[in-house]
Amino acid sequence: MRALPVIAAALLVCSAVVGATGGLPTSVVGSAAATADDPTGVSSPLPERDAPPPAALPPAVAQTSGQAGRQQINVLDVPPGSVERWGVEEQYVDLGPALGLSTNATTNRLRTLAMVERVEAANTTADRRDRLRTALIDLERQVDQLDERQTAAVAAYGRGELSARELLVSLVRVSIAAEELNDRRSRIEALAADTRGFDINRGRLASIGNRLSAFTGPVRAHAQTVLRGEAAPHRFYIATGPQSVTVTTILDDTYIRESYRGDLRNGEGDAIELEVALDIVSSSYPVIWNTTREQTQVFGGGETYPVRIAHSRGDLTAFVDSNARVVYAEHQRRPLASMVADQRVERAGENIRVVVNQTYPGGPSQIRVVDDEGEPVDAAISLAVETGTPRQLGTTGDDGVLWTLSPYRQYTVTVDGRGESVDVVVDPGAPPRVKAQAETGDTGGENGNETATNGTATPNGTVTPTPTPTSAALADVYHR
């Protein structure tokens, strides 16, 4: 049975999640419904012409019953042809940035405390109200500045003026500032509630909280722990375009992703109906919408509407701009076992066989090494982008599997094990992009999405082309 629209489920005001975005949010909760088709997507082997017949292999991607024929889940991404710079680099603790992050957090916290003290020190109720109005205006100004800071850092990276590490530090600093500004928003709301004759626009506060939550995603949160030395060195993928940035990583057995499209955000819109925000998300992510959704929440108020969906293959938070009526930011978490690594390339040597199951640039790439009987082989893995220098990634371990992040360009995986070296050349493919109507020039979507006039989505089987960045695009070396 097809999943019922979330609007048909009970509408609840969920106070438990108000603090998450700091908004004034109506939560729409849907029960787990029966699913539409939800397939494996692992293509048949593509052996080299001169290679011996492939040995029987265990499944390349973990599967469970009922997952045959899974479809790719769409992702928000830098538009094709607009990528200015990209890279995959391993980041590690650095005393300078770590101290800087702590200093920034302390400074922002002190500013919030100073604001609270100033309001509470007012001699009259009228003065207290004036100070609250000033604090709210200043808060909105700082949120705008936060957006400008991120845009400036992304542009500097695109011009080659910042390294990938410096951009990642900038994104983490924006995230830390956003968390503190959201706390300040909560403090203002509490102070307003204790101020006689002061009616604060709760929708205005909700809009601030919703905007800030777009800057505090799971990739930045993990990057912060790495930069502060609270986690081991970690590899991150970064791609940027005009006012756009995508960052991804693999954390344990989970792929996490953030994307922000400032070029799509308008920020001047009036409030929209919650159903409209849900329709926009359903059109942008039809595979998620047509699978089992355990819970769906939409946070209303102002210019940004976060829509959170916990589904059978992970979770998504999509941020809808109420004026442009498009998704302009997203956060995704996906178990690796749920990924559709449907571009399979394999090559056999005399003693080992290498299988690479590829998703898309910035997505997970699974490297498997087995012997001629299909048993896993612990082998050393290195990777080179185009004609670049190979860089060591690690070893496959006892299960013969290593997951890594796919570069934006064609790459070569080199496997050393059982006394031989085997190379596999892999095309990066292209993400199944969420595509705004402004980019298509019509109501059509991309990679299986076609937006109908009623806001629903239907599959059309469109294949996303391989990314073709401009000749001016800069590439950072894939390295440790």
Protein backbone atom coordinates (compact mmCIF):
# COMPACT_ATOMS: atom_id res chain seq x y z
CA MET A 1 0.00 0.00 0.00
CA ARG A 2 1.30 3.46 -0.86
CA ALA A 3 2.35 5.59 2.08
CA LEU A 4 -0.41 7.93 3.18
CA PRO A 5 0.30 11.66 2.96
CA VAL A 6 1.47 12.99 6.28
CA ILE A 7 -1.26 15.63 6.26
CA ALA A 8 -3.80 12.82 6.55
CA ALA A 9 -2.25 11.81 9.85
CA ALA A 10 -3.05 13.43 13.17
CA LEU A 11 -1.81 17.00 13.56
CA LEU A 12 -0.05 17.48 16.85
CA VAL A 13 1.67 20.38 18.56
CA CYS A 14 4.82 18.72 19.79
CA SER A 15 6.40 20.80 22.55
CA ALA A 16 9.21 18.29 22.94
CA VAL A 17 10.80 19.40 19.69
CA VAL A 18 10.39 23.16 20.08
CA GLY A 19 13.84 23.49 21.59
CA ALA A 20 15.43 21.71 18.66
CA THR A 21 14.93 24.60 16.28
CA GLY A 22 13.83 27.12 18.81
CA GLY A 23 10.85 27.80 16.62
CA LEU A 24 7.15 27.99 17.13
CA PRO A 25 6.48 24.84 15.33
CA THR A 26 3.56 22.76 14.56
CA SER A 27 4.74 19.17 14.29
CA VAL A 28 3.07 16.88 11.80
CA VAL A 29 3.63 13.28 12.81
CA GLY A 30 2.93 10.36 10.52
CA SER A 31 2.91 6.73 11.52
CA ALA A 32 5.00 4.15 9.70
CA ALA A 33 3.09 3.32 6.56
CA ALA A 34 3.40 0.58 3.99
CA THR A 35 5.95 1.35 1.29
CA ALA A 36 6.08 1.63 -2.44
CA ASP A 37 8.88 -0.18 -4.32
CA ASP A 38 12.19 0.19 -2.51
CA PRO A 39 14.90 -1.76 -4.47
CA THR A 40 18.66 -2.85 -4.12
CA GLY A 41 20.16 -0.94 -7.02
CA VAL A 42 23.32 -3.08 -7.12
CA SER A 43 23.94 -3.60 -10.80
CA SER A 44 25.22 -6.79 -12.35
CA PRO A 45 28.99 -7.25 -12.48
CA LEU A 46 30.92 -5.52 -15.25
CA PRO A 47 34.01 -7.72 -15.74
CA GLU A 48 36.97 -6.63 -17.82
CA ARG A 49 36.89 -8.18 -21.31
CA ASP A 50 40.18 -10.05 -20.88
CA ALA A 51 39.56 -11.05 -17.28
CA PRO A 52 38.69 -14.62 -16.31
CA PRO A 53 35.06 -15.35 -15.39
CA PRO A 54 34.30 -13.74 -12.04
CA ALA A 55 34.13 -15.90 -8.95
CA ALA A 56 30.88 -15.92 -7.02
CA LEU A 57 30.82 -12.91 -4.71
CA PRO A 58 28.77 -12.20 -1.63
CA PRO A 59 26.42 -9.20 -1.92
CA ALA A 60 28.38 -6.01 -2.57
CA VAL A 61 26.12 -3.89 -0.40
CA ALA A 62 24.44 -5.18 2.73
CA GLN A 63 20.84 -6.09 1.93
CA THR A 64 17.80 -7.35 3.75
CA SER A 65 14.69 -9.03 2.44
CA GLY A 66 12.25 -6.68 0.74
CA GLN A 67 14.94 -4.25 -0.49
CA ALA A 68 15.20 -5.51 -4.07
CA GLY A 69 15.24 -2.70 -6.63
CA ARG A 70 15.94 0.23 -4.30
CA GLN A 71 16.03 3.69 -5.86
CA GLN A 72 18.55 6.44 -5.22
CA ILE A 73 17.50 9.04 -2.66
CA ASN A 74 17.84 12.58 -3.97
CA VAL A 75 20.37 15.01 -2.52
CA LEU A 76 20.72 18.78 -2.62
CA ASP A 77 24.01 19.64 -4.29
CA VAL A 78 26.02 22.31 -6.06
CA PRO A 79 24.54 22.57 -9.59
CA PRO A 80 26.38 20.72 -12.37
CA GLY A 81 28.72 23.06 -14.20
CA SER A 82 28.87 25.41 -11.20
CA VAL A 83 31.43 23.61 -9.04
CA GLU A 84 34.28 26.05 -8.49
CA ARG A 85 36.44 23.88 -6.24
CA TRP A 86 36.30 20.53 -4.51
CA GLY A 87 38.46 18.20 -2.44
CA VAL A 88 38.58 15.18 -0.15
CA GLU A 89 41.02 15.63 2.71
CA GLU A 90 41.76 14.06 6.06
CA GLN A 91 41.44 16.58 8.89
CA TYR A 92 43.03 16.32 12.32
CA VAL A 93 43.39 18.20 15.58
CA ASP A 94 45.30 21.48 15.38
CA LEU A 95 45.95 23.52 18.49
CA GLY A 96 45.40 26.87 16.72
CA PRO A 97 41.90 26.22 15.33
CA ALA A 98 40.92 24.26 18.45
CA LEU A 99 41.73 27.21 20.71
CA GLY A 100 40.03 29.56 18.26
CA LEU A 101 36.82 27.54 18.34
CA SER A 102 36.78 27.60 22.14
CA THR A 103 37.46 31.33 22.19
CA ASN A 104 34.64 32.00 19.73
CA ALA A 105 32.19 29.95 21.80
CA THR A 106 33.18 31.77 25.00
CA THR A 107 32.92 35.20 23.36
CA ASN A 108 29.45 34.50 21.99
CA ARG A 109 28.29 33.15 25.35
CA LEU A 110 29.51 36.26 27.14
CA ARG A 111 27.62 38.46 24.69
CA THR A 112 24.42 36.58 25.45
CA LEU A 113 24.95 36.92 29.19
CA ALA A 114 25.64 40.65 28.75
CA MET A 115 22.36 41.02 26.85
CA VAL A 116 20.44 39.26 29.64
CA GLU A 117 22.08 41.42 32.31
CA ARG A 118 21.30 44.60 30.39
CA VAL A 119 17.61 43.74 30.08
CA GLU A 120 17.30 42.67 33.72
CA ALA A 121 19.07 45.84 34.89
CA ALA A 122 16.43 48.12 33.34
CA ASN A 123 14.98 50.57 35.90
CA THR A 124 11.49 50.72 34.43
CA THR A 125 9.20 48.40 32.50
CA ALA A 126 9.27 50.76 29.54
CA ASP A 127 13.06 50.71 29.52
CA ARG A 128 13.04 46.90 29.75
CA ARG A 129 10.72 46.71 26.74
CA ASP A 130 13.00 49.03 24.74
CA ARG A 131 16.04 46.94 25.59
CA LEU A 132 14.25 43.77 24.52
CA ARG A 133 13.33 45.31 21.17
CA THR A 134 16.95 46.36 20.67
CA ALA A 135 18.17 42.85 21.58
CA LEU A 136 15.79 41.28 19.07
CA ILE A 137 16.83 43.62 16.25
CA ASP A 138 20.51 42.96 17.06
CA LEU A 139 19.86 39.21 17.03
CA GLU A 140 18.32 39.36 13.56
CA ARG A 141 21.24 41.47 12.33
CA GLN A 142 23.73 38.89 13.63
CA VAL A 143 21.85 36.06 11.93
CA ASP A 144 22.15 37.95 8.63
CA GLN A 145 25.85 38.47 9.29
CA LEU A 146 26.26 34.74 9.93
CA ASP A 147 24.89 34.02 6.48
CA GLU A 148 27.25 36.62 5.01
CA ARG A 149 30.24 35.10 6.84
CA GLN A 150 29.53 31.68 5.40
CA THR A 151 29.03 33.06 1.88
CA ALA A 152 32.32 34.98 2.10
CA ALA A 153 34.24 31.88 3.29
CA VAL A 154 32.77 29.72 0.51
CA ALA A 155 33.70 32.34 -2.10
CA ALA A 156 37.26 32.63 -0.73
CA TYR A 157 37.71 28.84 -0.92
CA GLY A 158 36.38 28.86 -4.50
CA ARG A 159 38.99 31.48 -5.45
CA GLY A 160 41.77 29.41 -3.86
CA GLU A 161 42.30 31.89 -1.02
CA LEU A 162 41.34 29.40 1.70
CA SER A 163 42.40 25.78 2.08
CA ALA A 164 39.82 23.05 2.62
CA ARG A 165 40.84 22.97 6.26
CA GLU A 166 40.35 26.71 6.65
CA LEU A 167 36.91 26.50 5.06
CA LEU A 168 35.93 23.63 7.34
CA VAL A 169 37.06 25.65 10.37
CA SER A 170 34.98 28.60 9.11
CA LEU A 171 31.90 26.40 8.71
CA VAL A 172 32.35 25.04 12.24
CA ARG A 173 32.70 28.58 13.60
CA VAL A 174 29.44 29.54 11.89
CA SER A 175 27.80 26.49 13.47
CA ILE A 176 29.07 27.38 16.97
CA ALA A 177 27.84 30.95 16.56
CA ALA A 178 24.44 29.71 15.33
CA GLU A 179 24.02 27.53 18.43
CA GLU A 180 24.79 30.45 20.71
CA LEU A 181 22.48 32.81 18.83
CA ASN A 182 19.71 30.25 19.14
CA ASP A 183 20.30 30.19 22.90
CA ARG A 184 20.11 33.99 22.87
CA ARG A 185 16.80 33.75 21.01
CA SER A 186 15.48 31.46 23.76
CA ARG A 187 16.68 33.88 26.45
CA ILE A 188 14.92 36.79 24.74
CA GLU A 189 11.72 34.77 24.55
CA ALA A 190 11.91 33.96 28.28
CA LEU A 191 12.65 37.59 29.20
CA ALA A 192 9.74 38.77 27.06
CA ALA A 193 7.39 36.39 28.84
CA ASP A 194 8.37 38.02 32.17
CA THR A 195 7.91 41.57 30.87
CA ARG A 196 4.52 43.20 31.50
CA GLY A 197 2.86 44.62 28.39
CA PHE A 198 5.41 43.22 25.96
CA ASP A 199 3.88 41.10 23.20
CA ILE A 200 6.64 39.49 21.18
CA ASN A 201 5.96 38.06 17.74
CA ARG A 202 6.54 34.37 18.31
CA GLY A 203 6.53 33.73 14.55
CA ARG A 204 9.43 36.14 14.27
CA LEU A 205 11.33 34.17 16.89
CA ALA A 206 10.45 30.90 15.16
CA SER A 207 11.84 32.23 11.89
CA ILE A 208 15.15 33.08 13.58
CA GLY A 209 15.43 29.63 15.14
CA ASN A 210 14.55 27.89 11.88
CA ARG A 211 17.18 29.85 9.94
CA LEU A 212 19.86 29.12 12.53
CA SER A 213 19.20 25.37 12.51
CA ALA A 214 20.32 25.21 8.85
CA PHE A 215 23.86 26.10 9.99
CA THR A 216 24.15 23.35 12.65
CA GLY A 217 24.32 20.09 10.73
CA PRO A 218 25.79 16.67 11.56
CA VAL A 219 28.95 17.05 9.45
CA ARG A 220 29.95 20.30 11.14
CA ALA A 221 29.23 18.77 14.53
CA HIS A 222 31.64 15.91 13.83
CA ALA A 223 34.23 18.21 12.27
CA GLN A 224 34.19 20.22 15.49
CA THR A 225 35.05 17.13 17.56
CA VAL A 226 37.90 16.28 15.15
CA LEU A 227 39.36 19.79 15.15
CA ARG A 228 39.22 19.91 18.94
CA GLY A 229 40.99 16.56 19.27
CA GLU A 230 37.93 14.80 20.68
CA ALA A 231 37.80 12.37 17.73
CA ALA A 232 40.36 10.64 15.51
CA PRO A 233 41.47 12.24 12.20
CA HIS A 234 38.72 12.02 9.64
CA ARG A 235 38.22 12.44 5.90
CA PHE A 236 35.75 15.08 4.63
CA TYR A 237 34.48 15.90 1.15
CA ILE A 238 33.90 19.57 0.28
CA ALA A 239 32.51 21.05 -2.94
CA THR A 240 31.61 24.69 -3.50
CA GLY A 241 29.92 26.86 -6.11
CA PRO A 242 28.47 30.38 -6.11
CA GLN A 243 26.94 30.78 -2.60
CA SER A 244 26.77 26.96 -2.35
CA VAL A 245 28.61 24.38 -0.28
CA THR A 246 28.31 20.62 0.22
CA VAL A 247 30.21 18.77 2.95
CA THR A 248 30.04 15.04 3.62
CA THR A 249 31.79 12.35 5.63
CA ILE A 250 31.45 8.74 6.76
CA LEU A 251 31.15 8.28 10.51
CA ASP A 252 31.37 4.66 11.64
CA ASP A 253 28.69 2.91 9.53
CA THR A 254 26.80 6.09 8.61
CA TYR A 255 27.07 8.51 5.71
CA ILE A 256 26.28 12.09 6.74
CA ARG A 257 25.76 15.03 4.42
CA GLU A 258 25.06 18.77 4.54
CA SER A 259 24.34 21.06 1.64
CA TYR A 260 23.51 24.77 1.62
CA ARG A 261 22.36 26.62 -1.51
CA GLY A 262 22.44 30.32 -0.72
CA ASP A 263 21.74 31.01 -4.40
CA LEU A 264 18.27 29.49 -3.94
CA ARG A 265 17.39 31.27 -0.72
CA ASN A 266 15.30 34.45 -0.92
CA GLY A 267 14.61 35.19 2.74
CA GLU A 268 11.89 37.77 2.07
CA GLY A 269 8.83 35.56 2.04
CA ASP A 270 5.70 35.60 4.16
CA ALA A 271 4.46 32.59 6.06
CA ILE A 272 3.13 29.67 4.02
CA GLU A 273 0.80 26.82 4.89
CA LEU A 274 2.49 23.78 6.39
CA GLU A 275 0.96 21.65 3.64
CA VAL A 276 2.80 23.76 1.04
CA ALA A 277 6.17 23.10 2.71
CA LEU A 278 5.37 19.38 2.80
CA ASP A 279 4.39 19.37 -0.88
CA ILE A 280 7.70 21.01 -1.80
CA VAL A 281 9.65 18.36 0.14
CA SER A 282 7.58 15.49 -1.27
CA SER A 283 8.32 16.73 -4.82
CA SER A 284 12.03 17.14 -4.06
CA TYR A 285 12.49 13.75 -2.35
CA PRO A 286 9.94 11.38 -3.92
CA VAL A 287 11.80 8.20 -2.93
CA ILE A 288 11.74 9.23 0.74
CA TRP A 289 8.13 10.33 0.47
CA ASN A 290 7.09 6.98 -1.02
CA THR A 291 8.91 4.81 1.49
CA THR A 292 8.22 4.05 5.14
CA ARG A 293 8.15 7.31 7.07
CA GLU A 294 8.30 6.74 10.80
CA GLN A 295 7.88 10.42 11.68
CA THR A 296 7.51 13.67 9.78
CA GLN A 297 7.70 17.09 11.42
CA VAL A 298 7.37 20.54 9.89
CA PHE A 299 8.38 23.64 11.84
CA GLY A 300 6.38 26.68 10.78
CA GLY A 301 7.02 30.38 11.03
CA GLY A 302 8.53 33.10 8.89
CA GLU A 303 10.81 32.58 5.93
CA THR A 304 12.26 29.12 6.63
CA TYR A 305 10.38 25.85 7.17
CA PRO A 306 12.50 22.89 8.31
CA VAL A 307 10.85 19.56 7.47
CA ARG A 308 12.26 16.54 9.32
CA ILE A 309 11.60 13.01 8.14
CA ALA A 310 12.74 9.85 9.91
CA HIS A 311 12.40 7.11 7.32
CA SER A 312 13.33 3.48 6.80
CA ARG A 313 16.66 4.34 5.15
CA GLY A 314 17.86 7.17 7.39
CA ASP A 315 16.71 10.69 8.20
CA LEU A 316 16.40 14.00 6.38
CA THR A 317 15.96 17.62 7.38
CA ALA A 318 15.05 19.79 4.40
CA PHE A 319 14.85 23.58 4.75
CA VAL A 320 12.20 25.25 2.58
CA ASP A 321 12.36 28.93 1.63
CA SER A 322 8.83 30.32 1.91
CA ASN A 323 9.26 32.83 -0.92
CA ALA A 324 11.28 30.89 -3.50
CA ARG A 325 9.37 27.76 -2.41
CA VAL A 326 12.35 25.48 -2.89
CA VAL A 327 14.57 23.40 -0.63
CA TYR A 328 17.68 25.51 -0.06
CA ALA A 329 19.48 23.43 2.59
CA GLU A 330 19.49 19.83 3.72
CA HIS A 331 20.99 17.53 6.37
CA GLN A 332 20.96 13.77 5.73
CA ARG A 333 22.06 10.70 7.68
CA ARG A 334 22.13 7.34 5.90
CA PRO A 335 23.37 3.95 7.15
CA LEU A 336 25.93 2.67 4.65
CA ALA A 337 23.88 -0.50 4.28
CA SER A 338 20.99 1.60 2.90
CA MET A 339 23.05 3.27 0.15
CA VAL A 340 22.48 2.35 -3.48
CA ALA A 341 26.03 1.82 -4.77
CA ASP A 342 24.76 1.07 -8.26
CA GLN A 343 27.86 1.81 -10.36
CA ARG A 344 29.86 -1.39 -10.09
CA VAL A 345 33.32 -1.87 -11.57
CA GLU A 346 35.54 -4.86 -10.93
CA ARG A 347 38.91 -6.18 -12.03
CA ALA A 348 40.68 -9.45 -11.36
CA GLY A 349 44.34 -10.23 -10.88
CA GLU A 350 45.90 -13.64 -10.48
CA ASN A 351 45.17 -13.92 -6.75
CA ILE A 352 42.64 -11.23 -5.90
CA ARG A 353 39.52 -9.63 -7.33
CA VAL A 354 38.64 -5.98 -6.64
CA VAL A 355 35.05 -4.70 -6.73
CA VAL A 356 34.24 -0.98 -6.43
CA ASN A 357 30.60 -0.06 -5.83
CA GLN A 358 30.25 3.66 -6.49
CA THR A 359 27.44 6.07 -5.60
CA TYR A 360 28.22 9.66 -6.69
CA PRO A 361 30.74 12.48 -6.01
CA GLY A 362 30.86 13.14 -2.28
CA GLY A 363 28.95 9.92 -1.64
CA PRO A 364 30.21 6.60 -0.26
CA SER A 365 32.31 4.31 -2.42
CA GLN A 366 32.69 0.70 -1.31
CA ILE A 367 35.93 -1.13 -2.12
CA ARG A 368 35.85 -4.92 -1.69
CA VAL A 369 38.72 -7.35 -2.13
CA VAL A 370 38.26 -11.12 -2.33
CA ASP A 371 40.30 -14.10 -3.44
CA ASP A 372 39.37 -16.48 -6.27
CA GLU A 373 37.04 -18.35 -3.92
CA GLY A 374 35.18 -15.22 -2.86
CA GLU A 375 36.78 -15.02 0.58
CA PRO A 376 37.66 -11.53 1.91
CA VAL A 377 41.24 -10.33 1.64
CA ASP A 378 42.93 -7.79 3.92
CA ALA A 379 44.68 -5.52 1.41
CA ALA A 380 46.19 -2.03 1.30
CA ILE A 381 44.16 0.56 -0.62
CA SER A 382 45.34 3.76 -2.29
CA LEU A 383 43.51 6.21 -4.53
CA ALA A 384 44.59 8.68 -7.23
CA VAL A 385 42.38 11.33 -8.84
CA GLU A 386 42.80 11.41 -12.62
CA THR A 387 46.59 11.42 -13.20
CA GLY A 388 47.47 12.57 -9.69
CA THR A 389 49.70 10.88 -7.13
CA PRO A 390 48.17 7.86 -5.37
CA ARG A 391 47.39 8.45 -1.68
CA GLN A 392 47.11 5.70 0.90
CA LEU A 393 43.57 5.26 2.29
CA GLY A 394 43.98 2.30 4.62
CA THR A 395 43.32 -1.43 4.56
CA THR A 396 40.20 -3.48 3.94
CA GLY A 397 40.53 -5.47 7.17
CA ASP A 398 39.17 -8.92 7.96
CA ASP A 399 35.92 -8.39 6.05
CA GLY A 400 37.74 -7.27 2.89
CA VAL A 401 35.78 -4.00 2.73
CA LEU A 402 36.82 -0.35 2.89
CA TRP A 403 34.36 2.55 2.52
CA THR A 404 35.64 5.92 1.37
CA LEU A 405 34.26 9.16 -0.13
CA SER A 406 34.12 9.45 -3.89
CA PRO A 407 36.06 12.30 -5.52
CA TYR A 408 34.39 14.62 -8.02
CA ARG A 409 36.51 13.41 -10.93
CA GLN A 410 37.50 10.02 -12.37
CA TYR A 411 39.75 8.12 -9.98
CA THR A 412 41.89 5.00 -9.80
CA VAL A 413 41.79 2.58 -6.89
CA THR A 414 44.99 0.58 -6.40
CA VAL A 415 44.85 -2.56 -4.27
CA ASP A 416 47.99 -4.29 -2.97
CA GLY A 417 47.49 -7.76 -1.52
CA ARG A 418 48.52 -11.39 -1.86
CA GLY A 419 51.72 -10.34 -3.59
CA GLU A 420 50.16 -8.35 -6.45
CA SER A 421 48.76 -4.93 -7.32
CA VAL A 422 45.43 -4.40 -9.10
CA ASP A 423 44.12 -1.08 -10.46
CA VAL A 424 40.46 -0.17 -11.01
CA VAL A 425 39.45 3.02 -12.84
CA VAL A 426 36.14 4.45 -11.62
CA ASP A 427 33.91 7.11 -13.16
CA PRO A 428 32.39 9.31 -10.42
CA GLY A 429 28.92 9.52 -11.95
CA ALA A 430 26.62 12.29 -10.71
CA PRO A 431 24.36 12.82 -7.71
CA PRO A 432 20.59 12.32 -8.04
CA ARG A 433 20.14 16.04 -7.49
CA VAL A 434 17.19 17.86 -6.02
CA LYS A 435 16.60 20.43 -8.72
CA ALA A 436 14.71 23.71 -8.38
CA GLN A 437 12.24 24.74 -11.07
CA ALA A 438 14.36 27.83 -11.69
CA GLU A 439 17.20 25.53 -12.80
CA THR A 440 15.10 23.32 -15.06
CA GLY A 441 13.15 26.08 -16.79
CA ASP A 442 9.96 24.03 -16.38
CA THR A 443 8.13 21.95 -13.81
CA GLY A 444 10.34 18.91 -14.36
CA GLY A 445 12.77 17.55 -11.82
CA GLU A 446 15.89 15.46 -12.25
CA ASN A 447 16.84 11.81 -11.88
CA GLY A 448 13.40 10.34 -11.55
CA ASN A 449 11.52 13.42 -10.37
CA GLU A 450 8.82 15.15 -12.34
CA THR A 451 6.86 17.75 -10.43
CA ALA A 452 3.23 17.78 -11.43
CA THR A 453 0.91 20.75 -11.11
CA ASN A 454 -0.55 19.36 -7.91
CA GLY A 455 2.86 19.26 -6.20
CA THR A 456 3.23 15.48 -6.23
CA ALA A 457 6.09 13.58 -7.81
CA THR A 458 6.10 10.78 -10.32
CA PRO A 459 9.08 8.80 -11.65
CA ASN A 460 10.24 9.44 -15.21
CA GLY A 461 13.46 7.44 -15.30
CA THR A 462 15.66 10.40 -16.26
CA VAL A 463 19.38 9.63 -15.94
CA THR A 464 21.53 12.35 -14.36
CA PRO A 465 24.49 13.27 -16.60
CA THR A 466 28.09 13.01 -15.47
CA PRO A 467 29.23 16.26 -13.82
CA THR A 468 30.96 18.64 -16.23
CA PRO A 469 32.51 21.43 -14.17
CA THR A 470 33.75 24.58 -15.77
CA SER A 471 37.36 24.66 -16.93
CA ALA A 472 38.10 27.12 -14.12
CA ALA A 473 37.14 24.59 -11.45
CA LEU A 474 39.89 23.93 -8.93
CA ALA A 475 40.51 20.50 -7.42
CA ASP A 476 42.27 19.79 -4.16
CA VAL A 477 44.34 16.60 -4.14
CA TYR A 478 42.64 13.65 -2.49
CA HIS A 479 45.03 13.11 0.37
CA ARG A 480 45.51 12.31 4.01
